[in-house]
C-alpha atoms as a PDB file:
ATOM      1  CA  UNK A   1       5.107  -7.289  -4.313  1.00  0.00           C
ATOM      2  CA  UNK A   2       2.614  -9.532  -6.011  1.00  0.00           C
ATOM      3  CA  UNK A   3       0.925 -12.446  -4.157  1.00  0.00           C
ATOM      4  CA  UNK A   4      -1.569 -14.185  -6.376  1.00  0.00           C
ATOM      5  CA  UNK A   5      -4.277 -11.530  -6.919  1.00  0.00           C
ATOM      6  CA  UNK A   6      -3.223  -9.165  -4.114  1.00  0.00           C
ATOM      7  CA  UNK A   7      -0.231  -6.870  -3.825  1.00  0.00           C
ATOM      8  CA  UNK A   8       1.853  -5.262  -1.155  1.00  0.00           C
ATOM      9  CA  UNK A   9       2.959  -1.686  -1.509  1.00  0.00           C
ATOM     10  CA  UNK A  10       6.344  -1.685   0.214  1.00  0.00           C
ATOM     11  CA  UNK A  11       7.516   1.874   0.045  1.00  0.00           C
ATOM     12  CA  UNK A  12       6.687   5.131  -1.708  1.00  0.00           C
ATOM     13  CA  UNK A  13       8.984   8.089  -1.133  1.00  0.00           C
ATOM     14  CA  UNK A  14       9.143  11.541  -2.875  1.00  0.00           C
ATOM     15  CA  UNK A  15      12.332  13.550  -2.224  1.00  0.00           C
ATOM     16  CA  UNK A  16      11.543  16.684  -0.198  1.00  0.00           C
ATOM     17  CA  UNK A  17      12.584  19.013  -2.996  1.00  0.00           C
ATOM     18  CA  UNK A  18      10.081  17.404  -5.366  1.00  0.00           C
ATOM     19  CA  UNK A  19       7.020  17.502  -3.078  1.00  0.00           C
ATOM     20  CA  UNK A  20       3.960  19.574  -4.033  1.00  0.00           C
ATOM     21  CA  UNK A  21       4.258  18.354  -7.742  1.00  0.00           C
ATOM     22  CA  UNK A  22       1.797  15.534  -7.374  1.00  0.00           C
ATOM     23  CA  UNK A  23       4.547  12.947  -8.091  1.00  0.00           C
ATOM     24  CA  UNK A  24       3.311  10.666  -5.176  1.00  0.00           C
ATOM     25  CA  UNK A  25      -0.097  10.548  -6.784  1.00  0.00           C
ATOM     26  CA  UNK A  26       1.390   9.929 -10.226  1.00  0.00           C
ATOM     27  CA  UNK A  27       3.525   7.152  -8.765  1.00  0.00           C
ATOM     28  CA  UNK A  28       0.434   5.519  -6.994  1.00  0.00           C
ATOM     29  CA  UNK A  29      -1.762   5.852 -10.156  1.00  0.00           C
ATOM     30  CA  UNK A  30       1.036   4.133 -12.120  1.00  0.00           C
ATOM     31  CA  UNK A  31       0.923   1.314  -9.555  1.00  0.00           C
ATOM     32  CA  UNK A  32      -2.788   0.879  -9.829  1.00  0.00           C
ATOM     33  CA  UNK A  33      -2.359   0.561 -13.700  1.00  0.00           C
ATOM     34  CA  UNK A  34       0.427  -1.671 -13.212  1.00  0.00           C
ATOM     35  CA  UNK A  35      -1.491  -3.738 -10.832  1.00  0.00           C
ATOM     36  CA  UNK A  36      -4.528  -3.995 -13.069  1.00  0.00           C
ATOM     37  CA  UNK A  37      -2.230  -5.292 -15.866  1.00  0.00           C
ATOM     38  CA  UNK A  38      -0.901  -7.991 -13.499  1.00  0.00           C
ATOM     39  CA  UNK A  39      -4.410  -9.048 -12.282  1.00  0.00           C
ATOM     40  CA  UNK A  40      -3.935  -7.536  -8.810  1.00  0.00           C
ATOM     41  CA  UNK A  41      -7.445  -6.924  -7.321  1.00  0.00           C
ATOM     42  CA  UNK A  42      -6.525  -5.443  -4.074  1.00  0.00           C
ATOM     43  CA  UNK A  43      -3.410  -3.568  -2.861  1.00  0.00           C
ATOM     44  CA  UNK A  44      -2.267  -3.582   0.858  1.00  0.00           C
ATOM     45  CA  UNK A  45       0.095  -1.461   2.688  1.00  0.00           C
ATOM     46  CA  UNK A  46       1.427  -0.787   6.325  1.00  0.00           C
ATOM     47  CA  UNK A  47       2.087   2.779   7.519  1.00  0.00           C
ATOM     48  CA  UNK A  48       2.546   4.678  10.719  1.00  0.00           C
ATOM     49  CA  UNK A  49       3.090   8.075   9.026  1.00  0.00           C
ATOM     50  CA  UNK A  50       0.900   8.451   5.968  1.00  0.00           C
ATOM     51  CA  UNK A  51      -2.497   7.204   6.957  1.00  0.00           C
ATOM     52  CA  UNK A  52      -4.142  10.480   5.955  1.00  0.00           C
ATOM     53  CA  UNK A  53      -2.447  10.595   2.567  1.00  0.00           C
ATOM     54  CA  UNK A  54      -3.423   7.087   1.628  1.00  0.00           C
ATOM     55  CA  UNK A  55      -7.097   7.694   2.917  1.00  0.00           C
ATOM     56  CA  UNK A  56      -7.209  10.600   0.454  1.00  0.00           C
ATOM     57  CA  UNK A  57      -6.483   8.304  -2.520  1.00  0.00           C
ATOM     58  CA  UNK A  58      -9.002   5.656  -1.626  1.00  0.00           C
ATOM     59  CA  UNK A  59      -7.213   3.318   0.782  1.00  0.00           C
ATOM     60  CA  UNK A  60      -9.183   2.295   3.966  1.00  0.00           C
ATOM     61  CA  UNK A  61      -7.923   1.045   7.309  1.00  0.00           C
ATOM     62  CA  UNK A  62      -8.409  -2.613   8.067  1.00  0.00           C
ATOM     63  CA  UNK A  63      -7.838  -4.713  11.247  1.00  0.00           C
ATOM     64  CA  UNK A  64      -4.642  -6.518  11.317  1.00  0.00           C
ATOM     65  CA  UNK A  65      -6.597  -9.679  11.777  1.00  0.00           C
ATOM     66  CA  UNK A  66      -8.345  -9.182   8.465  1.00  0.00           C
ATOM     67  CA  UNK A  67      -5.089  -8.987   6.518  1.00  0.00           C
ATOM     68  CA  UNK A  68      -4.753 -11.781   3.941  1.00  0.00           C
ATOM     69  CA  UNK A  69      -2.398 -14.628   5.133  1.00  0.00           C
ATOM     70  CA  UNK A  70       0.017 -14.042   2.233  1.00  0.00           C
ATOM     71  CA  UNK A  71       0.444 -10.453   3.325  1.00  0.00           C
ATOM     72  CA  UNK A  72       0.810 -11.389   6.991  1.00  0.00           C
ATOM     73  CA  UNK A  73       3.627 -13.818   6.029  1.00  0.00           C
ATOM     74  CA  UNK A  74       5.776 -11.142   4.427  1.00  0.00           C
ATOM     75  CA  UNK A  75       8.826  -9.807   6.184  1.00  0.00           C
ATOM     76  CA  UNK A  76       7.282  -6.338   5.913  1.00  0.00           C
ATOM     77  CA  UNK A  77       4.374  -7.431   8.074  1.00  0.00           C
ATOM     78  CA  UNK A  78       6.241  -9.776  10.469  1.00  0.00           C
ATOM     79  CA  UNK A  79       9.575  -7.831  11.073  1.00  0.00           C
ATOM     80  CA  UNK A  80      10.025  -4.409   9.365  1.00  0.00           C
ATOM     81  CA  UNK A  81       6.928  -2.523  10.350  1.00  0.00           C
ATOM     82  CA  UNK A  82       6.328  -1.544  13.972  1.00  0.00           C
ATOM     83  CA  UNK A  83       3.376  -2.783  15.837  1.00  0.00           C
ATOM     84  CA  UNK A  84       1.840   0.592  15.750  1.00  0.00           C
ATOM     85  CA  UNK A  85       1.602   0.473  11.855  1.00  0.00           C
ATOM     86  CA  UNK A  86      -1.771   0.663  10.318  1.00  0.00           C
ATOM     87  CA  UNK A  87      -2.815  -1.800   7.670  1.00  0.00           C
ATOM     88  CA  UNK A  88      -4.642  -0.265   4.696  1.00  0.00           C
ATOM     89  CA  UNK A  89      -6.200  -1.687   1.531  1.00  0.00           C
ATOM     90  CA  UNK A  90      -7.595  -0.552  -1.689  1.00  0.00           C
ATOM     91  CA  UNK A  91      -9.499  -2.459  -4.367  1.00  0.00           C
ATOM     92  CA  UNK A  92      -7.996  -1.532  -7.700  1.00  0.00           C
ATOM     93  CA  UNK A  93      -9.861  -3.371 -10.191  1.00  0.00           C
END
């Protein structure tokens, strides 16, 4: 989801039988390229299961209070993700 020059990565799933083929990384790299073409400078996500994976590809944890207002206003942030979810961001430009 695009909000001005920032984006929210909602979901990224690779079917179990396709894991180990770097498809997740290919999907994320495509999203980075897509974001660059759409003038997205930072990409945000919330996770409680994949923190280590996203750290490996350059995302960093941030405090929930540091999350941009546009992201805080999303249904994902307000309703769908549990309170235990970690907010992460990556600069993609």
